[in-house]
Amino acid sequence: MASPPPDFAAQVETLRPQLLRFARTQLRNEAWAEDAVSETLLAALEKPDSFGGQSQLKTWLVGVLKHKLVDQLRRHHREATVLGTEDSEDLDESLFDRNGHWSDKPADWGSPEAACGQRQFFEVLELCCEQLPAAQGRVFMMREWLELDTDEICKELQISATNLWVLLHRARLRLRECLQQRWFAGRPA
């Protein structure tokens, strides 16, 4: 394992704003995000030799942060499951006809792989995620970004698997609509 660079602490501290933004997006709670990032930075600074240099420092810190985010969700799981009125809004009726087909055919997005290679796309995606209703955003982030499995999410949030899948479905529909308006319609935000 390689030793950390001599300016390791300074490099870690410069990444704090990016880590905090990521944590806010995941947790949607300022205090929890601050705690998770502080714990991440403390863990990194207490054991700098844990960073082997086989990835970028930011990538390694985000990996550590993911564990701290899961810890925060576990600590506050009762507070994290409050559903708002937007979370229960059914978008299916406005997007699909009675036979389950799209009311308006979705636009051609071209090459999603090409969009994913652009930094600005991820900024728009992050903005769209921030606009999701609280519970939808939380389950989407837990599933897609923190890569937690269904059972773990349901246990932590004390919801049924059916409720989880409904929330994920609604979150994905909202993200699709937001990305269509803000990115793929030729108007990157």
N, C-alpha and C. Protein backbone atom coordinates (compact mmCIF):
# COMPACT_ATOMS: atom_id res chain seq x y z
N MET A 1 0.85 -1.17 0.00
CA MET A 1 0.00 0.00 0.00
C MET A 1 0.89 1.24 0.00
N ALA A 2 0.63 2.13 -0.91
CA ALA A 2 1.42 3.36 -1.00
C ALA A 2 1.05 4.31 0.12
N SER A 3 2.01 5.11 0.54
CA SER A 3 1.70 6.09 1.58
C SER A 3 1.02 7.29 0.94
N PRO A 4 0.19 7.99 1.71
CA PRO A 4 -0.55 9.13 1.15
C PRO A 4 0.39 10.26 0.78
N PRO A 5 -0.03 11.13 -0.13
CA PRO A 5 0.81 12.27 -0.52
C PRO A 5 1.02 13.20 0.68
N PRO A 6 2.11 13.98 0.66
CA PRO A 6 2.40 14.85 1.80
C PRO A 6 1.31 15.88 2.09
N ASP A 7 0.58 16.31 1.09
CA ASP A 7 -0.47 17.30 1.29
C ASP A 7 -1.86 16.64 1.35
N PHE A 8 -1.89 15.41 1.86
CA PHE A 8 -3.12 14.61 1.91
C PHE A 8 -4.26 15.36 2.61
N ALA A 9 -4.00 15.92 3.78
CA ALA A 9 -5.04 16.60 4.54
C ALA A 9 -5.62 17.78 3.75
N ALA A 10 -4.78 18.53 3.07
CA ALA A 10 -5.25 19.66 2.28
C ALA A 10 -6.10 19.18 1.10
N GLN A 11 -5.67 18.09 0.46
CA GLN A 11 -6.43 17.55 -0.67
C GLN A 11 -7.80 17.04 -0.20
N VAL A 12 -7.82 16.39 0.95
CA VAL A 12 -9.09 15.89 1.50
C VAL A 12 -10.03 17.07 1.78
N GLU A 13 -9.50 18.10 2.40
CA GLU A 13 -10.33 19.26 2.76
C GLU A 13 -10.88 19.98 1.53
N THR A 14 -10.13 20.01 0.43
CA THR A 14 -10.64 20.70 -0.77
C THR A 14 -11.82 19.94 -1.38
N LEU A 15 -11.94 18.66 -1.10
CA LEU A 15 -13.05 17.88 -1.64
C LEU A 15 -14.31 17.95 -0.77
N ARG A 16 -14.21 18.59 0.38
CA ARG A 16 -15.33 18.68 1.31
C ARG A 16 -16.60 19.24 0.66
N PRO A 17 -16.55 20.36 -0.08
CA PRO A 17 -17.79 20.89 -0.68
C PRO A 17 -18.48 19.89 -1.63
N GLN A 18 -17.68 19.16 -2.41
CA GLN A 18 -18.27 18.18 -3.33
C GLN A 18 -18.90 17.03 -2.57
N LEU A 19 -18.23 16.58 -1.52
CA LEU A 19 -18.77 15.50 -0.70
C LEU A 19 -20.06 15.94 -0.01
N LEU A 20 -20.07 17.17 0.47
CA LEU A 20 -21.25 17.69 1.15
C LEU A 20 -22.43 17.79 0.18
N ARG A 21 -22.18 18.24 -1.03
CA ARG A 21 -23.24 18.32 -2.02
C ARG A 21 -23.80 16.93 -2.33
N PHE A 22 -22.92 15.96 -2.46
CA PHE A 22 -23.34 14.58 -2.72
C PHE A 22 -24.18 14.08 -1.54
N ALA A 23 -23.72 14.32 -0.32
CA ALA A 23 -24.43 13.85 0.88
C ALA A 23 -25.80 14.52 1.01
N ARG A 24 -25.87 15.80 0.72
CA ARG A 24 -27.17 16.51 0.78
C ARG A 24 -28.16 15.89 -0.20
N THR A 25 -27.67 15.58 -1.38
CA THR A 25 -28.54 14.99 -2.40
C THR A 25 -29.05 13.63 -1.93
N GLN A 26 -28.19 12.87 -1.29
CA GLN A 26 -28.58 11.54 -0.84
C GLN A 26 -29.53 11.58 0.35
N LEU A 27 -29.23 12.42 1.33
CA LEU A 27 -29.95 12.40 2.59
C LEU A 27 -31.09 13.40 2.70
N ARG A 28 -30.97 14.50 1.95
CA ARG A 28 -31.98 15.55 1.99
C ARG A 28 -32.19 16.11 3.40
N ASN A 29 -31.11 16.14 4.14
CA ASN A 29 -31.15 16.69 5.49
C ASN A 29 -29.77 17.29 5.76
N GLU A 30 -29.73 18.58 5.97
CA GLU A 30 -28.46 19.31 6.11
C GLU A 30 -27.61 18.76 7.27
N ALA A 31 -28.23 18.57 8.42
CA ALA A 31 -27.48 18.11 9.60
C ALA A 31 -26.92 16.70 9.38
N TRP A 32 -27.74 15.81 8.82
CA TRP A 32 -27.26 14.46 8.57
C TRP A 32 -26.12 14.46 7.56
N ALA A 33 -26.26 15.29 6.53
CA ALA A 33 -25.21 15.39 5.50
C ALA A 33 -23.91 15.89 6.11
N GLU A 34 -24.00 16.93 6.93
CA GLU A 34 -22.81 17.46 7.62
C GLU A 34 -22.15 16.38 8.47
N ASP A 35 -22.96 15.64 9.21
CA ASP A 35 -22.41 14.57 10.06
C ASP A 35 -21.71 13.50 9.23
N ALA A 36 -22.35 13.08 8.14
CA ALA A 36 -21.76 12.02 7.30
C ALA A 36 -20.44 12.47 6.69
N VAL A 37 -20.38 13.70 6.22
CA VAL A 37 -19.15 14.22 5.60
C VAL A 37 -18.07 14.38 6.67
N SER A 38 -18.44 14.89 7.83
CA SER A 38 -17.46 15.04 8.91
C SER A 38 -16.87 13.69 9.31
N GLU A 39 -17.74 12.69 9.42
CA GLU A 39 -17.27 11.35 9.77
C GLU A 39 -16.36 10.79 8.67
N THR A 40 -16.68 11.08 7.42
CA THR A 40 -15.86 10.62 6.29
C THR A 40 -14.48 11.25 6.34
N LEU A 41 -14.45 12.57 6.52
CA LEU A 41 -13.16 13.28 6.56
C LEU A 41 -12.33 12.83 7.76
N LEU A 42 -12.98 12.65 8.88
CA LEU A 42 -12.28 12.20 10.09
C LEU A 42 -11.68 10.82 9.87
N ALA A 43 -12.47 9.92 9.27
CA ALA A 43 -11.96 8.56 9.00
C ALA A 43 -10.76 8.62 8.06
N ALA A 44 -10.84 9.47 7.04
CA ALA A 44 -9.74 9.58 6.08
C ALA A 44 -8.49 10.15 6.74
N LEU A 45 -8.67 11.17 7.56
CA LEU A 45 -7.52 11.82 8.18
C LEU A 45 -6.91 10.99 9.31
N GLU A 46 -7.73 10.18 9.99
CA GLU A 46 -7.21 9.32 11.04
C GLU A 46 -6.40 8.16 10.48
N LYS A 47 -6.77 7.69 9.30
CA LYS A 47 -6.09 6.54 8.68
C LYS A 47 -5.73 6.86 7.24
N PRO A 48 -4.82 7.79 7.02
CA PRO A 48 -4.48 8.16 5.64
C PRO A 48 -3.84 7.01 4.85
N ASP A 49 -3.24 6.06 5.56
CA ASP A 49 -2.62 4.93 4.86
C ASP A 49 -3.65 4.00 4.24
N SER A 50 -4.93 4.16 4.61
CA SER A 50 -5.99 3.35 4.01
C SER A 50 -6.18 3.69 2.54
N PHE A 51 -5.81 4.91 2.18
CA PHE A 51 -5.89 5.32 0.77
C PHE A 51 -4.67 4.76 0.06
N GLY A 52 -4.91 3.76 -0.76
CA GLY A 52 -3.81 3.08 -1.44
C GLY A 52 -3.35 3.75 -2.71
N GLY A 53 -4.05 4.77 -3.16
CA GLY A 53 -3.65 5.46 -4.38
C GLY A 53 -4.03 4.72 -5.65
N GLN A 54 -4.86 3.68 -5.54
CA GLN A 54 -5.24 2.92 -6.73
C GLN A 54 -6.44 3.54 -7.45
N SER A 55 -6.98 4.59 -6.87
CA SER A 55 -8.05 5.35 -7.49
C SER A 55 -7.82 6.82 -7.18
N GLN A 56 -8.66 7.67 -7.72
CA GLN A 56 -8.55 9.07 -7.38
C GLN A 56 -9.00 9.25 -5.93
N LEU A 57 -8.46 10.24 -5.27
CA LEU A 57 -8.82 10.51 -3.88
C LEU A 57 -10.32 10.74 -3.75
N LYS A 58 -10.90 11.49 -4.67
CA LYS A 58 -12.34 11.77 -4.62
C LYS A 58 -13.15 10.47 -4.70
N THR A 59 -12.76 9.57 -5.57
CA THR A 59 -13.46 8.30 -5.72
C THR A 59 -13.41 7.51 -4.43
N TRP A 60 -12.23 7.48 -3.81
CA TRP A 60 -12.06 6.76 -2.55
C TRP A 60 -12.92 7.39 -1.44
N LEU A 61 -12.91 8.71 -1.36
CA LEU A 61 -13.69 9.39 -0.33
C LEU A 61 -15.19 9.19 -0.53
N VAL A 62 -15.65 9.19 -1.77
CA VAL A 62 -17.07 8.93 -2.03
C VAL A 62 -17.42 7.51 -1.59
N GLY A 63 -16.53 6.57 -1.79
CA GLY A 63 -16.75 5.21 -1.31
C GLY A 63 -16.90 5.15 0.20
N VAL A 64 -16.05 5.87 0.90
CA VAL A 64 -16.14 5.95 2.37
C VAL A 64 -17.44 6.64 2.75
N LEU A 65 -17.77 7.72 2.05
CA LEU A 65 -18.97 8.49 2.34
C LEU A 65 -20.23 7.65 2.17
N LYS A 66 -20.26 6.79 1.17
CA LYS A 66 -21.44 5.93 0.97
C LYS A 66 -21.75 5.13 2.23
N HIS A 67 -20.71 4.60 2.87
CA HIS A 67 -20.92 3.84 4.11
C HIS A 67 -21.45 4.75 5.22
N LYS A 68 -20.94 5.96 5.29
CA LYS A 68 -21.39 6.91 6.31
C LYS A 68 -22.83 7.35 6.05
N LEU A 69 -23.22 7.44 4.78
CA LEU A 69 -24.60 7.78 4.45
C LEU A 69 -25.56 6.68 4.89
N VAL A 70 -25.17 5.45 4.65
CA VAL A 70 -26.00 4.32 5.09
C VAL A 70 -26.11 4.34 6.61
N ASP A 71 -24.99 4.63 7.29
CA ASP A 71 -25.04 4.73 8.76
C ASP A 71 -26.02 5.81 9.21
N GLN A 72 -26.02 6.96 8.54
CA GLN A 72 -26.94 8.05 8.89
C GLN A 72 -28.39 7.61 8.66
N LEU A 73 -28.65 6.94 7.57
CA LEU A 73 -30.01 6.47 7.30
C LEU A 73 -30.46 5.47 8.36
N ARG A 74 -29.55 4.62 8.80
CA ARG A 74 -29.91 3.67 9.84
C ARG A 74 -30.19 4.37 11.17
N ARG A 75 -29.40 5.36 11.49
CA ARG A 75 -29.60 6.11 12.74
C ARG A 75 -30.93 6.83 12.77
N HIS A 76 -31.35 7.30 11.61
CA HIS A 76 -32.53 8.16 11.55
C HIS A 76 -33.68 7.53 10.76
N HIS A 77 -33.71 6.19 10.69
CA HIS A 77 -34.67 5.55 9.79
C HIS A 77 -36.12 5.91 10.10
N ARG A 78 -36.48 6.16 11.31
CA ARG A 78 -37.88 6.51 11.60
C ARG A 78 -38.23 7.88 11.02
N GLU A 79 -37.28 8.78 11.02
CA GLU A 79 -37.53 10.11 10.47
C GLU A 79 -37.51 10.09 8.94
N ALA A 80 -36.86 9.11 8.37
CA ALA A 80 -36.65 9.09 6.92
C ALA A 80 -37.85 8.55 6.14
N THR A 81 -38.88 8.04 6.80
CA THR A 81 -39.95 7.37 6.07
C THR A 81 -41.23 8.19 5.95
N VAL A 82 -41.19 9.44 6.29
CA VAL A 82 -42.40 10.27 6.20
C VAL A 82 -42.72 10.52 4.73
N LEU A 83 -43.91 10.13 4.33
CA LEU A 83 -44.34 10.34 2.95
C LEU A 83 -45.12 11.64 2.85
N GLY A 84 -44.80 12.41 1.82
CA GLY A 84 -45.52 13.64 1.56
C GLY A 84 -46.61 13.41 0.54
N THR A 85 -47.41 14.42 0.29
CA THR A 85 -48.50 14.28 -0.68
C THR A 85 -47.96 14.06 -2.08
N GLU A 86 -46.80 14.67 -2.41
CA GLU A 86 -46.22 14.46 -3.73
C GLU A 86 -45.77 13.02 -3.94
N ASP A 87 -45.38 12.35 -2.84
CA ASP A 87 -44.94 10.97 -2.95
C ASP A 87 -46.08 10.04 -3.34
N SER A 88 -47.30 10.41 -3.00
CA SER A 88 -48.44 9.55 -3.30
C SER A 88 -49.13 9.91 -4.61
N GLU A 89 -48.66 10.97 -5.27
CA GLU A 89 -49.24 11.39 -6.54
C GLU A 89 -48.95 10.35 -7.62
N ASP A 90 -49.99 9.86 -8.26
CA ASP A 90 -49.84 8.85 -9.29
C ASP A 90 -49.69 9.52 -10.65
N LEU A 91 -48.52 9.37 -11.25
CA LEU A 91 -48.24 10.00 -12.54
C LEU A 91 -48.72 9.16 -13.72
N ASP A 92 -49.03 7.88 -13.45
CA ASP A 92 -49.38 6.97 -14.54
C ASP A 92 -50.55 7.49 -15.36
N GLU A 93 -51.57 8.04 -14.69
CA GLU A 93 -52.76 8.49 -15.43
C GLU A 93 -52.45 9.64 -16.38
N SER A 94 -51.48 10.49 -16.02
CA SER A 94 -51.16 11.61 -16.89
C SER A 94 -50.17 11.23 -17.99
N LEU A 95 -49.46 10.13 -17.83
CA LEU A 95 -48.44 9.74 -18.82
C LEU A 95 -48.87 8.59 -19.73
N PHE A 96 -49.79 7.74 -19.25
CA PHE A 96 -50.16 6.55 -20.00
C PHE A 96 -51.66 6.53 -20.30
N ASP A 97 -52.03 5.90 -21.42
CA ASP A 97 -53.45 5.75 -21.72
C ASP A 97 -54.00 4.54 -20.96
N ARG A 98 -55.28 4.24 -21.15
CA ARG A 98 -55.90 3.17 -20.36
C ARG A 98 -55.36 1.78 -20.72
N ASN A 99 -54.65 1.68 -21.86
CA ASN A 99 -54.06 0.40 -22.25
C ASN A 99 -52.61 0.26 -21.79
N GLY A 100 -52.11 1.28 -21.08
CA GLY A 100 -50.75 1.22 -20.57
C GLY A 100 -49.69 1.72 -21.54
N HIS A 101 -50.12 2.32 -22.65
CA HIS A 101 -49.17 2.88 -23.62
C HIS A 101 -48.95 4.36 -23.31
N TRP A 102 -47.81 4.87 -23.72
CA TRP A 102 -47.53 6.29 -23.50
C TRP A 102 -48.61 7.14 -24.17
N SER A 103 -49.10 8.15 -23.47
CA SER A 103 -50.06 9.09 -24.07
C SER A 103 -49.37 9.87 -25.18
N ASP A 104 -48.19 10.36 -24.90
CA ASP A 104 -47.35 11.02 -25.90
C ASP A 104 -46.08 10.20 -26.02
N LYS A 105 -45.77 9.81 -27.24
CA LYS A 105 -44.58 9.00 -27.46
C LYS A 105 -43.34 9.73 -26.91
N PRO A 106 -42.51 9.03 -26.13
CA PRO A 106 -41.29 9.67 -25.62
C PRO A 106 -40.37 10.11 -26.75
N ALA A 107 -39.72 11.22 -26.55
CA ALA A 107 -38.78 11.74 -27.55
C ALA A 107 -37.57 10.82 -27.65
N ASP A 108 -36.93 10.84 -28.80
CA ASP A 108 -35.70 10.07 -29.00
C ASP A 108 -34.57 10.77 -28.26
N TRP A 109 -33.96 10.08 -27.34
CA TRP A 109 -32.89 10.66 -26.53
C TRP A 109 -31.53 10.48 -27.18
N GLY A 110 -31.49 9.88 -28.34
CA GLY A 110 -30.20 9.67 -28.98
C GLY A 110 -29.39 8.64 -28.21
N SER A 111 -28.14 8.97 -27.96
CA SER A 111 -27.25 8.05 -27.27
C SER A 111 -27.11 8.43 -25.79
N PRO A 112 -27.80 7.70 -24.89
CA PRO A 112 -27.65 8.00 -23.47
C PRO A 112 -26.20 7.86 -23.00
N GLU A 113 -25.46 6.94 -23.61
CA GLU A 113 -24.06 6.75 -23.22
C GLU A 113 -23.26 8.02 -23.46
N ALA A 114 -23.54 8.70 -24.57
CA ALA A 114 -22.82 9.94 -24.88
C ALA A 114 -23.17 11.02 -23.86
N ALA A 115 -24.43 11.10 -23.46
CA ALA A 115 -24.84 12.09 -22.46
C ALA A 115 -24.17 11.81 -21.12
N CYS A 116 -24.08 10.53 -20.76
CA CYS A 116 -23.47 10.17 -19.47
C CYS A 116 -21.99 10.54 -19.41
N GLY A 117 -21.37 10.70 -20.55
CA GLY A 117 -19.96 11.09 -20.58
C GLY A 117 -19.75 12.59 -20.40
N GLN A 118 -20.81 13.35 -20.28
CA GLN A 118 -20.70 14.79 -20.16
C GLN A 118 -20.97 15.22 -18.72
N ARG A 119 -20.08 16.03 -18.19
CA ARG A 119 -20.22 16.49 -16.80
C ARG A 119 -21.51 17.28 -16.60
N GLN A 120 -21.87 18.09 -17.58
CA GLN A 120 -23.06 18.92 -17.45
C GLN A 120 -24.31 18.04 -17.31
N PHE A 121 -24.32 16.88 -17.97
CA PHE A 121 -25.46 15.97 -17.83
C PHE A 121 -25.65 15.58 -16.37
N PHE A 122 -24.56 15.26 -15.69
CA PHE A 122 -24.67 14.84 -14.30
C PHE A 122 -25.11 15.99 -13.40
N GLU A 123 -24.78 17.20 -13.75
CA GLU A 123 -25.27 18.35 -12.99
C GLU A 123 -26.78 18.48 -13.15
N VAL A 124 -27.28 18.26 -14.37
CA VAL A 124 -28.71 18.31 -14.61
C VAL A 124 -29.40 17.14 -13.90
N LEU A 125 -28.80 15.96 -13.97
CA LEU A 125 -29.37 14.79 -13.28
C LEU A 125 -29.45 15.05 -11.78
N GLU A 126 -28.40 15.63 -11.21
CA GLU A 126 -28.40 15.93 -9.78
C GLU A 126 -29.51 16.93 -9.44
N LEU A 127 -29.67 17.94 -10.27
CA LEU A 127 -30.75 18.91 -10.06
C LEU A 127 -32.10 18.22 -10.11
N CYS A 128 -32.30 17.33 -11.06
CA CYS A 128 -33.56 16.60 -11.17
C CYS A 128 -33.79 15.72 -9.94
N CYS A 129 -32.74 15.09 -9.44
CA CYS A 129 -32.87 14.26 -8.24
C CYS A 129 -33.25 15.10 -7.03
N GLU A 130 -32.70 16.30 -6.93
CA GLU A 130 -33.01 17.18 -5.81
C GLU A 130 -34.47 17.62 -5.84
N GLN A 131 -35.09 17.63 -7.00
CA GLN A 131 -36.47 18.07 -7.13
C GLN A 131 -37.48 16.96 -6.89
N LEU A 132 -37.01 15.74 -6.71
CA LEU A 132 -37.93 14.64 -6.43
C LEU A 132 -38.58 14.85 -5.06
N PRO A 133 -39.83 14.39 -4.90
CA PRO A 133 -40.41 14.41 -3.56
C PRO A 133 -39.51 13.63 -2.60
N ALA A 134 -39.54 13.99 -1.34
CA ALA A 134 -38.58 13.49 -0.36
C ALA A 134 -38.44 11.96 -0.34
N ALA A 135 -39.53 11.24 -0.16
CA ALA A 135 -39.44 9.78 -0.05
C ALA A 135 -38.98 9.16 -1.36
N GLN A 136 -39.46 9.68 -2.48
CA GLN A 136 -39.03 9.15 -3.78
C GLN A 136 -37.54 9.37 -3.97
N GLY A 137 -37.07 10.55 -3.66
CA GLY A 137 -35.65 10.85 -3.79
C GLY A 137 -34.81 9.96 -2.90
N ARG A 138 -35.28 9.76 -1.69
CA ARG A 138 -34.53 8.94 -0.73
C ARG A 138 -34.40 7.50 -1.21
N VAL A 139 -35.52 6.87 -1.63
CA VAL A 139 -35.44 5.47 -2.06
C VAL A 139 -34.66 5.34 -3.37
N PHE A 140 -34.81 6.33 -4.26
CA PHE A 140 -34.04 6.28 -5.51
C PHE A 140 -32.54 6.32 -5.22
N MET A 141 -32.13 7.23 -4.34
CA MET A 141 -30.71 7.34 -4.01
C MET A 141 -30.20 6.09 -3.30
N MET A 142 -31.00 5.56 -2.40
CA MET A 142 -30.58 4.34 -1.69
C MET A 142 -30.39 3.18 -2.67
N ARG A 143 -31.31 3.07 -3.61
CA ARG A 143 -31.26 1.95 -4.55
C ARG A 143 -30.20 2.13 -5.63
N GLU A 144 -30.21 3.28 -6.30
CA GLU A 144 -29.39 3.48 -7.48
C GLU A 144 -28.00 4.02 -7.19
N TRP A 145 -27.84 4.83 -6.15
CA TRP A 145 -26.54 5.44 -5.89
C TRP A 145 -25.80 4.71 -4.77
N LEU A 146 -26.53 4.36 -3.71
CA LEU A 146 -25.88 3.64 -2.61
C LEU A 146 -25.88 2.14 -2.86
N GLU A 147 -26.65 1.71 -3.86
CA GLU A 147 -26.71 0.32 -4.30
C GLU A 147 -27.15 -0.65 -3.21
N LEU A 148 -28.10 -0.19 -2.39
CA LEU A 148 -28.66 -1.07 -1.37
C LEU A 148 -29.71 -1.97 -2.01
N ASP A 149 -29.87 -3.18 -1.48
CA ASP A 149 -30.86 -4.07 -2.07
C ASP A 149 -32.25 -3.80 -1.48
N THR A 150 -33.24 -4.38 -2.10
CA THR A 150 -34.64 -4.13 -1.73
C THR A 150 -34.89 -4.42 -0.26
N ASP A 151 -34.45 -5.58 0.21
CA ASP A 151 -34.71 -5.95 1.60
C ASP A 151 -34.10 -4.95 2.58
N GLU A 152 -32.90 -4.51 2.29
CA GLU A 152 -32.23 -3.57 3.19
C GLU A 152 -32.95 -2.22 3.21
N ILE A 153 -33.37 -1.74 2.06
CA ILE A 153 -34.08 -0.47 2.00
C ILE A 153 -35.41 -0.58 2.75
N CYS A 154 -36.14 -1.64 2.49
CA CYS A 154 -37.43 -1.83 3.16
C CYS A 154 -37.27 -1.92 4.67
N LYS A 155 -36.25 -2.62 5.11
CA LYS A 155 -36.01 -2.76 6.54
C LYS A 155 -35.65 -1.40 7.15
N GLU A 156 -34.76 -0.67 6.50
CA GLU A 156 -34.32 0.61 7.04
C GLU A 156 -35.43 1.65 7.08
N LEU A 157 -36.27 1.67 6.05
CA LEU A 157 -37.33 2.67 5.97
C LEU A 157 -38.66 2.17 6.49
N GLN A 158 -38.70 0.88 6.86
CA GLN A 158 -39.92 0.25 7.37
C GLN A 158 -41.09 0.44 6.41
N ILE A 159 -40.83 0.07 5.16
CA ILE A 159 -41.86 0.09 4.13
C ILE A 159 -41.91 -1.28 3.47
N SER A 160 -42.99 -1.57 2.79
CA SER A 160 -43.12 -2.85 2.09
C SER A 160 -42.37 -2.79 0.77
N ALA A 161 -42.07 -3.95 0.23
CA ALA A 161 -41.41 -4.01 -1.07
C ALA A 161 -42.30 -3.39 -2.14
N THR A 162 -43.59 -3.59 -2.04
CA THR A 162 -44.52 -3.00 -3.00
C THR A 162 -44.45 -1.48 -2.94
N ASN A 163 -44.44 -0.93 -1.74
CA ASN A 163 -44.34 0.52 -1.58
C ASN A 163 -43.02 1.02 -2.16
N LEU A 164 -41.94 0.29 -1.92
CA LEU A 164 -40.65 0.68 -2.46
C LEU A 164 -40.71 0.75 -3.98
N TRP A 165 -41.25 -0.28 -4.62
CA TRP A 165 -41.29 -0.32 -6.08
C TRP A 165 -42.17 0.78 -6.65
N VAL A 166 -43.27 1.09 -5.96
CA VAL A 166 -44.12 2.20 -6.41
C VAL A 166 -43.36 3.52 -6.33
N LEU A 167 -42.66 3.75 -5.21
CA LEU A 167 -41.88 4.98 -5.05
C LEU A 167 -40.77 5.06 -6.10
N LEU A 168 -40.09 3.95 -6.37
CA LEU A 168 -39.04 3.94 -7.39
C LEU A 168 -39.63 4.21 -8.78
N HIS A 169 -40.77 3.61 -9.07
CA HIS A 169 -41.43 3.83 -10.36
C HIS A 169 -41.75 5.30 -10.54
N ARG A 170 -42.34 5.90 -9.52
CA ARG A 170 -42.71 7.32 -9.60
C ARG A 170 -41.47 8.20 -9.70
N ALA A 171 -40.42 7.85 -8.97
CA ALA A 171 -39.18 8.63 -9.04
C ALA A 171 -38.59 8.58 -10.44
N ARG A 172 -38.58 7.40 -11.03
CA ARG A 172 -38.01 7.26 -12.37
C ARG A 172 -38.84 8.01 -13.42
N LEU A 173 -40.16 7.99 -13.26
CA LEU A 173 -41.00 8.75 -14.18
C LEU A 173 -40.72 10.25 -14.06
N ARG A 174 -40.59 10.74 -12.84
CA ARG A 174 -40.31 12.16 -12.63
C ARG A 174 -38.92 12.52 -13.17
N LEU A 175 -37.94 11.65 -12.95
CA LEU A 175 -36.59 11.91 -13.48
C LEU A 175 -36.60 11.93 -15.00
N ARG A 176 -37.33 11.00 -15.58
CA ARG A 176 -37.42 10.96 -17.04
C ARG A 176 -38.01 12.26 -17.57
N GLU A 177 -39.10 12.72 -16.95
CA GLU A 177 -39.74 13.96 -17.37
C GLU A 177 -38.80 15.16 -17.19
N CYS A 178 -38.11 15.22 -16.07
CA CYS A 178 -37.19 16.32 -15.79
C CYS A 178 -36.02 16.32 -16.79
N LEU A 179 -35.44 15.15 -17.02
CA LEU A 179 -34.33 15.06 -17.97
C LEU A 179 -34.79 15.41 -19.38
N GLN A 180 -35.99 15.01 -19.73
CA GLN A 180 -36.52 15.35 -21.05
C GLN A 180 -36.59 16.87 -21.21
N GLN A 181 -37.09 17.55 -20.19
CA GLN A 181 -37.25 19.00 -20.26
C GLN A 181 -35.93 19.74 -20.16
N ARG A 182 -35.05 19.29 -19.27
CA ARG A 182 -33.85 20.06 -18.96
C ARG A 182 -32.61 19.64 -19.75
N TRP A 183 -32.65 18.47 -20.36
CA TRP A 183 -31.44 18.01 -21.07
C TRP A 183 -31.74 17.61 -22.49
N PHE A 184 -32.57 16.62 -22.67
CA PHE A 184 -32.74 16.01 -23.99
C PHE A 184 -33.55 16.85 -24.94
N ALA A 185 -34.29 17.82 -24.46
CA ALA A 185 -35.05 18.68 -25.37
C ALA A 185 -34.16 19.75 -25.98
N GLY A 186 -32.85 19.65 -25.73
CA GLY A 186 -31.91 20.59 -26.33
C GLY A 186 -31.73 21.87 -25.52
N ARG A 187 -32.22 21.83 -24.26
CA ARG A 187 -32.10 23.01 -23.40
C ARG A 187 -31.37 22.64 -22.12
N PRO A 188 -30.08 22.21 -22.18
CA PRO A 188 -29.41 21.88 -20.94
C PRO A 188 -29.49 23.06 -19.96
N ALA A 189 -29.86 22.73 -18.71
CA ALA A 189 -30.00 23.77 -17.67
C ALA A 189 -28.65 24.30 -17.27
